Amino acid sequence: MTDEKWGEIVDKVLADFEILEHSHDRDDAAKIETLVFRGPAGKVKLVRTVRPAVIDKKIIGAYRRGKSKAQFEYVYSDTDTVGKLEAYREVGGEWEKIDPDTFTQ
């Protein structure tokens, strides 16, 4: 998901619904933005995660049957990023995952 598309979604939600929470966090190299609002379907949470794109995956250690697992080192891009959108609806106090494409149309 592009930054422009995410901005459009956030603007629409801010204009049309009651915002309960809007936060920005960091986890390792990822930026996580969470938006919780009350909509027609009840309480909805949108979580957008943006992290650097993986350019290469190098094998550091070999797999030896019964002894160890292969270890990997990831090489990340300095310029390219990958965005992921997850959507949840609150049902009985628990967050149930829903299809995020309903917000991008």
C-alpha atoms as a PDB file:
ATOM      1  CA  MET A   1       0.000   0.000   0.000  1.00  0.00           C
ATOM      2  CA  THR A   2       1.355   3.384  -0.987  1.00  0.00           C
ATOM      3  CA  ASP A   3       1.678   6.339   1.362  1.00  0.00           C
ATOM      4  CA  GLU A   4      -0.826   8.293  -0.747  1.00  0.00           C
ATOM      5  CA  LYS A   5      -3.485   5.587  -0.524  1.00  0.00           C
ATOM      6  CA  TRP A   6      -2.970   5.235   3.241  1.00  0.00           C
ATOM      7  CA  GLY A   7      -3.246   9.023   3.590  1.00  0.00           C
ATOM      8  CA  GLU A   8      -6.577   8.977   1.740  1.00  0.00           C
ATOM      9  CA  ILE A   9      -7.906   6.255   4.057  1.00  0.00           C
ATOM     10  CA  VAL A  10      -6.779   8.121   7.189  1.00  0.00           C
ATOM     11  CA  ASP A  11      -8.296  11.403   5.950  1.00  0.00           C
ATOM     12  CA  LYS A  12     -11.630   9.713   5.220  1.00  0.00           C
ATOM     13  CA  VAL A  13     -11.722   7.967   8.610  1.00  0.00           C
ATOM     14  CA  LEU A  14     -10.782  11.188  10.462  1.00  0.00           C
ATOM     15  CA  ALA A  15     -13.519  13.114   8.635  1.00  0.00           C
ATOM     16  CA  ASP A  16     -16.328  10.552   8.886  1.00  0.00           C
ATOM     17  CA  PHE A  17     -15.893   8.594  12.147  1.00  0.00           C
ATOM     18  CA  GLU A  18     -15.198   8.971  15.859  1.00  0.00           C
ATOM     19  CA  ILE A  19     -11.470   8.332  16.482  1.00  0.00           C
ATOM     20  CA  LEU A  20     -10.705   6.343  19.633  1.00  0.00           C
ATOM     21  CA  GLU A  21      -6.941   5.922  19.191  1.00  0.00           C
ATOM     22  CA  HIS A  22      -4.287   6.989  16.693  1.00  0.00           C
ATOM     23  CA  SER A  23      -0.716   5.910  17.462  1.00  0.00           C
ATOM     24  CA  HIS A  24       2.686   5.588  15.798  1.00  0.00           C
ATOM     25  CA  ASP A  25       5.204   2.955  16.976  1.00  0.00           C
ATOM     26  CA  ARG A  26       8.510   1.459  15.849  1.00  0.00           C
ATOM     27  CA  ASP A  27       9.468  -2.216  15.980  1.00  0.00           C
ATOM     28  CA  ASP A  28      13.040  -2.969  14.844  1.00  0.00           C
ATOM     29  CA  ALA A  29      13.144  -1.414  11.351  1.00  0.00           C
ATOM     30  CA  ALA A  30       9.356  -1.279  10.943  1.00  0.00           C
ATOM     31  CA  LYS A  31       7.054   1.702  11.440  1.00  0.00           C
ATOM     32  CA  ILE A  32       3.617   0.750  12.761  1.00  0.00           C
ATOM     33  CA  GLU A  33       0.631   3.095  12.632  1.00  0.00           C
ATOM     34  CA  THR A  34      -2.571   2.072  14.411  1.00  0.00           C
ATOM     35  CA  LEU A  35      -5.948   3.727  13.946  1.00  0.00           C
ATOM     36  CA  VAL A  36      -8.937   2.658  16.075  1.00  0.00           C
ATOM     37  CA  PHE A  37     -12.334   4.182  15.333  1.00  0.00           C
ATOM     38  CA  ARG A  38     -16.036   3.588  15.829  1.00  0.00           C
ATOM     39  CA  GLY A  39     -17.741   2.964  12.492  1.00  0.00           C
ATOM     40  CA  PRO A  40     -21.044   1.541  11.252  1.00  0.00           C
ATOM     41  CA  ALA A  41     -19.749  -2.003  11.905  1.00  0.00           C
ATOM     42  CA  GLY A  42     -18.703  -1.132  15.473  1.00  0.00           C
ATOM     43  CA  LYS A  43     -15.150  -0.692  16.695  1.00  0.00           C
ATOM     44  CA  VAL A  44     -12.586  -1.113  13.886  1.00  0.00           C
ATOM     45  CA  LYS A  45      -8.776  -1.165  14.070  1.00  0.00           C
ATOM     46  CA  LEU A  46      -6.501  -0.515  11.082  1.00  0.00           C
ATOM     47  CA  VAL A  47      -2.811  -1.391  11.433  1.00  0.00           C
ATOM     48  CA  ARG A  48      -0.330  -0.297   8.762  1.00  0.00           C
ATOM     49  CA  THR A  49       3.202  -1.691   8.902  1.00  0.00           C
ATOM     50  CA  VAL A  50       5.963  -0.228   6.720  1.00  0.00           C
ATOM     51  CA  ARG A  51       9.388  -1.874   6.636  1.00  0.00           C
ATOM     52  CA  PRO A  52      12.386  -1.867   4.286  1.00  0.00           C
ATOM     53  CA  ALA A  53      12.140  -4.249   1.334  1.00  0.00           C
ATOM     54  CA  VAL A  54      14.268  -7.416   1.491  1.00  0.00           C
ATOM     55  CA  ILE A  55      16.831  -7.397  -1.321  1.00  0.00           C
ATOM     56  CA  ASP A  56      18.694 -10.600  -0.529  1.00  0.00           C
ATOM     57  CA  LYS A  57      18.594 -13.543   1.874  1.00  0.00           C
ATOM     58  CA  LYS A  58      21.968 -15.070   2.723  1.00  0.00           C
ATOM     59  CA  ILE A  59      22.449 -18.444   4.391  1.00  0.00           C
ATOM     60  CA  ILE A  60      24.809 -18.091   7.353  1.00  0.00           C
ATOM     61  CA  GLY A  61      24.724 -21.615   8.799  1.00  0.00           C
ATOM     62  CA  ALA A  62      23.881 -24.911   7.137  1.00  0.00           C
ATOM     63  CA  TYR A  63      21.100 -27.250   8.175  1.00  0.00           C
ATOM     64  CA  ARG A  64      22.376 -30.432   9.797  1.00  0.00           C
ATOM     65  CA  ARG A  65      19.806 -33.087  10.389  1.00  0.00           C
ATOM     66  CA  GLY A  66      18.861 -33.246  14.050  1.00  0.00           C
ATOM     67  CA  LYS A  67      21.523 -30.781  15.139  1.00  0.00           C
ATOM     68  CA  SER A  68      20.810 -27.278  13.915  1.00  0.00           C
ATOM     69  CA  LYS A  69      18.663 -25.252  11.596  1.00  0.00           C
ATOM     70  CA  ALA A  70      19.811 -22.982   8.822  1.00  0.00           C
ATOM     71  CA  GLN A  71      20.351 -19.378   9.834  1.00  0.00           C
ATOM     72  CA  PHE A  72      19.663 -16.490   7.509  1.00  0.00           C
ATOM     73  CA  GLU A  73      20.832 -12.911   7.219  1.00  0.00           C
ATOM     74  CA  TYR A  74      18.557 -10.521   5.380  1.00  0.00           C
ATOM     75  CA  VAL A  75      19.833  -7.582   3.328  1.00  0.00           C
ATOM     76  CA  TYR A  76      17.400  -4.653   3.356  1.00  0.00           C
ATOM     77  CA  SER A  77      16.975  -1.839   0.843  1.00  0.00           C
ATOM     78  CA  ASP A  78      17.926   1.690   1.849  1.00  0.00           C
ATOM     79  CA  THR A  79      15.293   3.257  -0.399  1.00  0.00           C
ATOM     80  CA  ASP A  80      12.452   0.783  -1.092  1.00  0.00           C
ATOM     81  CA  THR A  81       9.783  -0.044   1.487  1.00  0.00           C
ATOM     82  CA  VAL A  82       6.950  -2.548   1.751  1.00  0.00           C
ATOM     83  CA  GLY A  83       3.630  -1.582   3.336  1.00  0.00           C
ATOM     84  CA  LYS A  84       1.056  -3.962   4.763  1.00  0.00           C
ATOM     85  CA  LEU A  85      -2.470  -3.138   5.958  1.00  0.00           C
ATOM     86  CA  GLU A  86      -4.400  -5.294   8.427  1.00  0.00           C
ATOM     87  CA  ALA A  87      -7.959  -4.590   9.542  1.00  0.00           C
ATOM     88  CA  TYR A  88      -9.765  -5.898  12.627  1.00  0.00           C
ATOM     89  CA  ARG A  89     -13.289  -5.596  14.022  1.00  0.00           C
ATOM     90  CA  GLU A  90     -14.066  -5.921  17.713  1.00  0.00           C
ATOM     91  CA  VAL A  91     -16.409  -8.825  18.422  1.00  0.00           C
ATOM     92  CA  GLY A  92     -17.157  -9.593  22.071  1.00  0.00           C
ATOM     93  CA  GLY A  93     -14.044  -7.787  23.312  1.00  0.00           C
ATOM     94  CA  GLU A  94     -11.717  -9.662  20.902  1.00  0.00           C
ATOM     95  CA  TRP A  95     -10.231  -8.361  17.638  1.00  0.00           C
ATOM     96  CA  GLU A  96     -11.388 -10.422  14.641  1.00  0.00           C
ATOM     97  CA  LYS A  97      -9.469 -10.014  11.376  1.00  0.00           C
ATOM     98  CA  ILE A  98     -11.435  -8.693   8.399  1.00  0.00           C
ATOM     99  CA  ASP A  99     -10.577  -8.078   4.736  1.00  0.00           C
ATOM    100  CA  PRO A 100      -8.701  -4.736   4.478  1.00  0.00           C
ATOM    101  CA  ASP A 101      -9.669  -4.349   0.805  1.00  0.00           C
ATOM    102  CA  THR A 102     -13.045  -2.981   1.946  1.00  0.00           C
ATOM    103  CA  PHE A 103     -11.172   0.188   3.029  1.00  0.00           C
ATOM    104  CA  THR A 104      -9.132   0.622  -0.151  1.00  0.00           C
ATOM    105  CA  GLN A 105     -11.952   0.685  -2.700  1.00  0.00           C
END
